Amino acid sequence: MAYVFKDKYGTEFISEEKPTRGRYWWILPKDYQDVVKLPKGTIKHLINFEMSYSDDPQELKEIEQ
């Protein structure tokens, strides 16, 4: 699965690994190797609500057709 999250500056990211909260940054097991920066507004479009750094990463669910 993939996780979406924001850093303390509001920058949006997606990652295959679930990050854990550090003091100022999200920490990933592979040290940001599998993280992709997303255009602003992408997370709200994907999960239908606005996130902030204080929110836990949200897992994207697979859509069945």
N, C-alpha and C. Protein backbone atom coordinates (compact mmCIF):
# COMPACT_ATOMS: atom_id res chain seq x y z
N MET A 1 0.83 -1.19 0.00
CA MET A 1 0.00 0.00 0.00
C MET A 1 0.88 1.25 0.00
N ALA A 2 0.24 2.37 -0.18
CA ALA A 2 0.96 3.64 -0.20
C ALA A 2 0.37 4.55 0.89
N TYR A 3 1.22 5.43 1.40
CA TYR A 3 0.82 6.37 2.45
C TYR A 3 1.07 7.79 1.98
N VAL A 4 0.12 8.68 2.26
CA VAL A 4 0.30 10.09 1.97
C VAL A 4 0.46 10.83 3.29
N PHE A 5 1.28 11.89 3.27
CA PHE A 5 1.54 12.67 4.48
C PHE A 5 2.11 14.02 4.10
N LYS A 6 2.12 14.94 5.07
CA LYS A 6 2.69 16.28 4.88
C LYS A 6 3.79 16.52 5.88
N ASP A 7 4.79 17.32 5.48
CA ASP A 7 5.81 17.72 6.43
C ASP A 7 5.36 19.00 7.15
N LYS A 8 6.18 19.51 8.03
CA LYS A 8 5.76 20.67 8.83
C LYS A 8 5.58 21.93 8.01
N TYR A 9 6.08 21.94 6.76
CA TYR A 9 5.92 23.09 5.87
C TYR A 9 4.73 22.94 4.94
N GLY A 10 4.01 21.83 5.04
CA GLY A 10 2.84 21.60 4.21
C GLY A 10 3.15 20.92 2.88
N THR A 11 4.39 20.52 2.68
CA THR A 11 4.76 19.81 1.46
C THR A 11 4.16 18.42 1.51
N GLU A 12 3.59 17.99 0.40
CA GLU A 12 2.88 16.70 0.35
C GLU A 12 3.78 15.62 -0.24
N PHE A 13 3.66 14.41 0.32
CA PHE A 13 4.48 13.28 -0.10
C PHE A 13 3.66 12.01 -0.15
N ILE A 14 4.15 11.03 -0.91
CA ILE A 14 3.60 9.68 -0.93
C ILE A 14 4.76 8.71 -0.81
N SER A 15 4.54 7.61 -0.10
CA SER A 15 5.58 6.62 0.14
C SER A 15 4.98 5.24 0.25
N GLU A 16 5.74 4.23 -0.14
CA GLU A 16 5.30 2.84 0.05
C GLU A 16 5.41 2.43 1.52
N GLU A 17 6.34 3.03 2.25
CA GLU A 17 6.55 2.71 3.66
C GLU A 17 5.78 3.69 4.54
N LYS A 18 5.24 3.20 5.64
CA LYS A 18 4.56 4.09 6.58
C LYS A 18 5.62 4.83 7.40
N PRO A 19 5.64 6.15 7.33
CA PRO A 19 6.63 6.91 8.10
C PRO A 19 6.22 7.03 9.56
N THR A 20 7.21 7.29 10.41
CA THR A 20 6.95 7.56 11.82
C THR A 20 7.31 9.01 12.09
N ARG A 21 6.64 9.60 13.06
CA ARG A 21 6.83 11.02 13.35
C ARG A 21 8.11 11.26 14.14
N GLY A 22 8.94 12.15 13.59
CA GLY A 22 10.10 12.62 14.31
C GLY A 22 9.73 13.95 14.96
N ARG A 23 10.70 14.64 15.49
CA ARG A 23 10.39 15.93 16.13
C ARG A 23 9.92 16.96 15.10
N TYR A 24 10.56 17.00 13.95
CA TYR A 24 10.19 17.97 12.91
C TYR A 24 9.87 17.32 11.57
N TRP A 25 10.33 16.11 11.34
CA TRP A 25 10.21 15.45 10.04
C TRP A 25 9.67 14.06 10.20
N TRP A 26 9.10 13.53 9.14
CA TRP A 26 8.69 12.14 9.11
C TRP A 26 9.93 11.30 8.83
N ILE A 27 10.02 10.15 9.47
CA ILE A 27 11.18 9.28 9.33
C ILE A 27 10.73 7.97 8.69
N LEU A 28 11.43 7.58 7.63
CA LEU A 28 11.13 6.35 6.92
C LEU A 28 12.26 5.36 7.11
N PRO A 29 11.94 4.07 7.12
CA PRO A 29 12.98 3.06 7.31
C PRO A 29 14.11 3.14 6.27
N LYS A 30 13.78 3.52 5.04
CA LYS A 30 14.78 3.56 3.98
C LYS A 30 15.31 4.97 3.74
N ASP A 31 15.13 5.87 4.68
CA ASP A 31 15.67 7.22 4.61
C ASP A 31 15.27 7.97 3.34
N TYR A 32 13.98 8.04 3.08
CA TYR A 32 13.42 8.83 1.98
C TYR A 32 13.79 8.34 0.59
N GLN A 33 14.22 7.09 0.44
CA GLN A 33 14.52 6.59 -0.90
C GLN A 33 13.26 6.37 -1.73
N ASP A 34 12.18 6.01 -1.10
CA ASP A 34 10.95 5.70 -1.83
C ASP A 34 9.87 6.75 -1.64
N VAL A 35 10.25 8.00 -1.44
CA VAL A 35 9.30 9.07 -1.22
C VAL A 35 9.20 9.93 -2.47
N VAL A 36 7.97 10.27 -2.84
CA VAL A 36 7.76 11.14 -4.00
C VAL A 36 7.02 12.38 -3.52
N LYS A 37 7.54 13.54 -3.88
CA LYS A 37 6.88 14.81 -3.56
C LYS A 37 5.70 14.98 -4.51
N LEU A 38 4.57 15.39 -3.95
CA LEU A 38 3.34 15.55 -4.72
C LEU A 38 3.02 17.03 -4.92
N PRO A 39 2.34 17.36 -6.00
CA PRO A 39 1.88 18.74 -6.18
C PRO A 39 0.88 19.12 -5.08
N LYS A 40 0.89 20.39 -4.71
CA LYS A 40 -0.01 20.88 -3.66
C LYS A 40 -1.47 20.59 -4.04
N GLY A 41 -2.22 20.07 -3.10
CA GLY A 41 -3.63 19.77 -3.31
C GLY A 41 -3.91 18.32 -3.69
N THR A 42 -2.86 17.55 -3.96
CA THR A 42 -3.04 16.16 -4.38
C THR A 42 -3.66 15.32 -3.28
N ILE A 43 -3.18 15.48 -2.04
CA ILE A 43 -3.70 14.67 -0.93
C ILE A 43 -5.19 14.91 -0.73
N LYS A 44 -5.61 16.16 -0.75
CA LYS A 44 -7.03 16.45 -0.57
C LYS A 44 -7.85 15.80 -1.69
N HIS A 45 -7.33 15.81 -2.88
CA HIS A 45 -8.02 15.17 -4.01
C HIS A 45 -8.11 13.65 -3.81
N LEU A 46 -7.05 13.04 -3.29
CA LEU A 46 -7.02 11.58 -3.13
C LEU A 46 -7.85 11.08 -1.97
N ILE A 47 -7.81 11.77 -0.83
CA ILE A 47 -8.49 11.25 0.37
C ILE A 47 -9.70 12.08 0.79
N ASN A 48 -9.97 13.15 0.07
CA ASN A 48 -11.17 13.97 0.26
C ASN A 48 -11.19 14.77 1.56
N PHE A 49 -10.04 15.04 2.15
CA PHE A 49 -9.94 16.00 3.25
C PHE A 49 -8.53 16.53 3.35
N GLU A 50 -8.39 17.69 3.95
CA GLU A 50 -7.10 18.37 4.08
C GLU A 50 -6.31 17.77 5.25
N MET A 51 -5.02 17.57 5.04
CA MET A 51 -4.14 17.04 6.09
C MET A 51 -3.17 18.12 6.55
N SER A 52 -2.56 17.88 7.71
CA SER A 52 -1.46 18.71 8.19
C SER A 52 -0.40 17.78 8.77
N TYR A 53 0.74 18.33 9.17
CA TYR A 53 1.82 17.54 9.75
C TYR A 53 1.36 16.81 11.01
N SER A 54 0.43 17.40 11.75
CA SER A 54 -0.02 16.78 13.00
C SER A 54 -0.91 15.55 12.76
N ASP A 55 -1.40 15.37 11.53
CA ASP A 55 -2.21 14.20 11.21
C ASP A 55 -1.31 12.99 10.95
N ASP A 56 -1.81 11.81 11.30
CA ASP A 56 -1.09 10.58 10.98
C ASP A 56 -1.12 10.34 9.48
N PRO A 57 -0.11 9.66 8.95
CA PRO A 57 -0.13 9.31 7.52
C PRO A 57 -1.39 8.52 7.19
N GLN A 58 -1.95 8.78 6.02
CA GLN A 58 -3.15 8.09 5.60
C GLN A 58 -2.81 7.05 4.54
N GLU A 59 -3.31 5.85 4.74
CA GLU A 59 -3.06 4.77 3.80
C GLU A 59 -4.07 4.88 2.65
N LEU A 60 -3.58 4.80 1.43
CA LEU A 60 -4.46 4.79 0.27
C LEU A 60 -4.94 3.37 0.05
N LYS A 61 -6.22 3.23 -0.12
CA LYS A 61 -6.82 1.92 -0.34
C LYS A 61 -6.93 1.64 -1.84
N GLU A 62 -6.83 0.38 -2.20
CA GLU A 62 -6.97 -0.02 -3.59
C GLU A 62 -8.43 0.10 -3.98
N ILE A 63 -8.69 0.63 -5.15
CA ILE A 63 -10.05 0.77 -5.64
C ILE A 63 -10.38 -0.41 -6.51
N GLU A 64 -11.45 -1.11 -6.15
CA GLU A 64 -11.88 -2.24 -6.95
C GLU A 64 -12.85 -1.76 -8.02
N GLN A 65 -12.73 -2.32 -9.20
CA GLN A 65 -13.61 -1.89 -10.28
C GLN A 65 -14.61 -2.95 -10.64
